[in-house]
Protein backbone atom coordinates (compact mmCIF):
# COMPACT_ATOMS: atom_id res chain seq x y z
CA MET A 1 329.67 230.32 130.44
CA ASN A 2 333.62 231.12 129.76
CA ILE A 3 335.20 233.33 127.19
CA PHE A 4 335.54 230.31 124.51
CA SER A 5 331.79 229.51 124.56
CA PHE A 6 331.05 233.39 124.72
CA PHE A 7 333.17 234.51 121.68
CA GLY A 8 331.86 230.92 120.01
CA ASP A 9 328.29 232.28 120.32
CA LEU A 10 329.47 235.78 118.97
CA SER A 11 330.86 234.17 115.95
CA HIS A 12 327.47 232.09 115.45
CA LEU A 13 325.51 235.03 116.18
CA ALA A 14 327.77 237.00 113.28
CA SER A 15 327.46 233.75 111.01
CA ILE A 16 323.84 234.42 110.69
CA PHE A 17 323.60 238.51 110.43
CA ILE A 18 326.60 238.10 107.86
CA LEU A 19 324.74 235.59 105.79
CA LEU A 20 320.99 237.58 105.90
CA TYR A 21 323.24 241.06 105.20
CA ALA A 22 324.42 239.33 102.04
CA ILE A 23 321.01 238.04 100.91
CA GLU A 24 319.53 241.42 101.31
CA ARG A 25 322.52 243.37 100.04
CA ASN A 26 322.81 241.16 96.49
CA GLN A 27 318.66 240.35 96.75
CA SER A 28 319.85 236.87 95.35
CA ILE A 29 320.62 233.57 97.37
CA ARG A 30 322.90 232.46 94.35
CA GLY A 31 325.53 229.75 95.86
CA LEU A 32 323.37 229.24 98.96
CA SER A 33 322.06 225.78 100.14
CA LEU A 34 318.28 225.66 101.00
CA LYS A 35 319.14 221.95 102.50
CA THR A 36 321.90 223.33 105.04
CA GLN A 37 319.59 226.05 105.91
CA ALA A 38 316.76 223.18 106.37
CA LEU A 39 319.14 221.17 108.54
CA TYR A 40 319.66 223.80 110.84
CA VAL A 41 316.25 224.14 111.40
CA VAL A 42 315.78 220.70 111.94
CA VAL A 43 319.22 221.41 114.39
CA TYR A 44 317.67 223.93 116.47
CA LEU A 45 314.32 222.61 116.80
CA THR A 46 315.69 219.22 118.06
CA ARG A 47 318.66 220.67 120.11
CA TYR A 48 316.33 223.53 122.20
CA LEU A 49 313.38 221.52 123.16
CA ASN A 50 314.09 222.14 126.56
CA LEU A 51 313.48 226.14 126.35
CA PHE A 52 310.01 225.29 126.78
CA PHE A 53 310.36 223.65 130.22
CA LYS A 54 313.55 224.11 131.84
CA PHE A 55 314.84 227.88 132.52
CA TYR A 56 318.82 228.29 132.55
CA SER A 57 319.03 231.87 131.86
CA LEU A 58 317.64 234.66 130.04
CA TYR A 59 320.96 234.77 127.87
CA ASN A 60 320.38 231.32 127.08
CA SER A 61 316.81 231.19 126.50
CA LEU A 62 317.19 234.73 124.28
CA LEU A 63 319.87 232.55 122.11
CA LYS A 64 317.91 229.84 121.57
CA VAL A 65 314.79 232.02 120.39
CA PHE A 66 316.99 233.94 118.30
CA PHE A 67 318.53 230.48 116.60
CA ILE A 68 315.48 229.21 116.04
CA GLY A 69 313.69 232.29 114.53
CA SER A 70 316.63 233.23 112.38
CA SER A 71 316.78 229.70 111.08
CA ILE A 72 313.08 229.85 110.19
CA TYR A 73 313.49 233.33 108.67
CA THR A 74 316.29 232.26 106.19
CA VAL A 75 314.36 229.46 105.21
CA TYR A 76 311.72 231.62 104.19
CA VAL A 77 313.77 233.68 102.53
CA LEU A 78 315.26 231.27 100.78
CA THR A 79 311.88 229.73 99.50
CA HIS A 80 310.17 232.74 99.21
CA LYS A 81 311.78 235.91 99.02
CA TYR A 82 314.27 235.48 96.74
CA GLN A 83 313.48 231.91 95.35
CA ARG A 84 313.69 233.06 91.99
CA THR A 85 317.59 233.24 92.36
CA ALA A 86 317.94 230.02 93.56
CA GLN A 87 319.99 227.52 91.65
CA GLU A 88 318.15 224.08 92.53
CA HIS A 89 320.18 222.23 90.00
CA LEU A 90 323.26 222.62 91.95
CA ASP A 91 321.63 222.11 95.57
CA THR A 92 321.26 218.20 94.92
CA PHE A 93 323.44 216.93 97.82
CA GLN A 94 321.63 213.70 99.11
CA VAL A 95 320.58 214.92 102.85
CA ARG A 96 318.69 211.72 103.70
CA TYR A 97 322.11 210.30 104.12
CA LEU A 98 323.05 213.18 106.48
CA THR A 99 319.80 213.02 108.43
CA GLY A 100 319.64 208.93 108.60
CA GLY A 101 323.47 208.58 109.79
CA ALA A 102 322.94 211.30 112.41
CA PHE A 103 319.62 209.47 113.74
CA VAL A 104 321.42 205.86 114.01
CA THR A 105 324.43 207.64 115.58
CA SER A 106 322.07 208.99 118.16
CA LEU A 107 321.03 205.62 119.04
CA ILE A 108 324.40 204.25 119.35
CA LEU A 109 325.83 207.02 121.05
CA THR A 110 323.68 209.15 123.27
CA HIS A 111 324.02 209.71 127.30
CA LYS A 112 320.52 207.97 127.97
CA TYR A 113 317.86 206.05 125.97
CA THR A 114 315.36 208.71 126.89
CA ILE A 115 313.49 210.52 124.14
CA LEU A 116 314.92 214.09 124.88
CA GLU A 117 318.54 212.71 125.36
CA VAL A 118 318.15 210.84 121.76
CA VAL A 119 316.65 213.62 120.21
CA TRP A 120 319.36 216.05 121.73
CA SER A 121 322.27 213.77 120.29
CA PHE A 122 321.01 213.64 116.74
CA SER A 123 320.84 217.41 116.98
CA ILE A 124 324.47 217.51 117.56
CA TRP A 125 325.78 214.64 115.36
CA LEU A 126 323.30 216.50 112.50
CA GLU A 127 325.01 219.87 113.39
CA SER A 128 328.34 218.45 112.45
CA VAL A 129 327.56 217.83 108.84
CA ALA A 130 324.77 220.40 108.59
CA ILE A 131 327.29 222.44 106.21
CA LEU A 132 327.88 219.75 103.68
CA PRO A 133 325.54 220.78 101.26
CA GLN A 134 326.68 224.20 100.94
CA LEU A 135 330.53 223.23 100.78
CA PHE A 136 329.01 221.00 97.84
CA ILE A 137 327.61 223.84 96.45
CA LEU A 138 331.20 225.71 96.45
CA GLN A 139 332.89 222.59 95.16
CA ARG A 140 330.56 222.20 92.21
CA THR A 141 330.98 226.28 91.33
CA GLY A 142 334.35 226.38 92.21
CA GLU A 143 333.95 229.85 93.41
CA ALA A 144 331.58 231.82 95.43
CA GLU A 145 331.18 235.98 96.77
CA ASN A 146 333.40 236.89 99.43
CA ILE A 147 330.76 237.62 101.49
CA THR A 148 329.06 234.07 101.47
CA VAL A 149 332.36 232.68 102.14
CA HIS A 150 332.56 234.98 105.46
CA TYR A 151 329.56 233.35 106.52
CA ILE A 152 330.88 230.11 106.22
CA PHE A 153 334.18 230.97 107.98
CA ALA A 154 332.28 232.39 110.89
CA LEU A 155 330.18 229.42 111.33
CA GLY A 156 333.10 227.42 111.38
CA ILE A 157 334.72 229.30 114.10
CA TYR A 158 332.03 229.14 116.04
CA ARG A 159 332.57 225.27 116.27
CA VAL A 160 336.67 225.96 116.75
CA LEU A 161 336.35 228.10 119.30
CA TYR A 162 334.21 225.33 121.24
CA ILE A 163 337.68 223.15 121.38
CA PRO A 164 338.89 225.07 124.08
CA ASN A 165 335.76 225.75 125.83
CA TRP A 166 335.78 221.67 126.35
CA VAL A 167 339.24 222.05 127.36
CA TYR A 168 338.56 224.65 129.92
CA ARG A 169 335.52 223.14 131.00
CA TYR A 170 337.08 219.70 131.46
CA PHE A 171 340.23 221.30 133.74
CA VAL A 172 338.04 223.97 135.78
CA GLU A 173 334.75 222.36 135.80
CA GLY A 174 335.79 218.51 135.60
CA HIS A 175 332.95 218.41 132.92
CA PHE A 176 333.53 216.29 129.82
CA ASP A 177 330.86 215.93 127.36
CA TYR A 178 332.36 212.93 124.93
CA ILE A 179 329.13 213.64 122.50
CA SER A 180 329.52 217.23 122.03
CA VAL A 181 333.80 216.79 121.63
CA ILE A 182 333.48 214.00 119.12
CA ALA A 183 330.88 215.63 116.89
CA GLY A 184 332.85 218.85 117.13
CA LEU A 185 336.19 217.26 115.90
CA VAL A 186 334.03 215.94 113.08
CA GLN A 187 332.90 219.01 112.42
CA THR A 188 336.15 221.04 112.23
CA ALA A 189 337.49 218.17 110.10
CA VAL A 190 334.50 219.08 107.60
CA TYR A 191 335.64 222.51 107.69
CA SER A 192 339.44 222.15 107.61
CA ASP A 193 339.55 222.04 103.52
CA PHE A 194 337.66 225.38 103.53
CA PHE A 195 339.62 227.13 106.18
CA TYR A 196 342.82 226.45 104.45
CA ILE A 197 341.77 227.89 101.01
CA TYR A 198 339.92 230.87 103.04
CA TYR A 199 343.38 231.55 104.61
CA THR A 200 345.26 231.12 101.35
CA LYS A 201 343.13 232.96 99.32
CA VAL A 202 340.66 235.16 100.75
CA LEU A 203 342.95 236.50 103.54
CA LYS A 204 345.12 237.54 101.30
CA GLY A 205 342.76 239.59 99.14
CA LYS A 206 342.03 236.80 96.24
CA LYS A 207 338.74 235.44 95.01
CA PHE A 208 337.95 232.54 96.65
CA GLU A 209 338.19 229.60 94.23
CA LEU A 210 337.88 225.65 94.24
CA PRO A 211 339.03 222.91 91.78
CA VAL A 212 335.59 222.17 89.99
């Protein structure tokens, strides 16, 4: 734990609260991707398998439980509570390519060829591309409510903050996890265009718009 990972966790938590607040305030899930949220359920369930047999700290365990629980709850909200406002005709990104690619990559790039390590690697690679269905919807519609955009931005900042975390851990602890670093850089690259438009539009008080 260091200041970068701590604030990264806070940004991650903020993204979830922003998302749930936006849904309840609008009583609508327009512009949100069920596929992205379902992928996050898979990410957290596979990432935190060790929750059931290895204890690191109360903080660590609570975060794991929260991320698993909140992701499942979000999917429930999208599929039951406000399903009538879903835009299924826009949420058409082929996620089988993401899951399949993450699985193949986890077989090639993993620390050990054990079930737990391969599953952990799979969760890392899948998380790096899980936001793509959501960004795909933004690209198709060309615009989004600012609060939805703030959710994506906070989620992206969570990953960006882990870059200095890796640098810190390498120089201070001598720790370097090449899988997390490569996947994290891929994820940051996925967000790069979004960050640019967020800065040039939203932070300057303009409406978030993309060329359709």
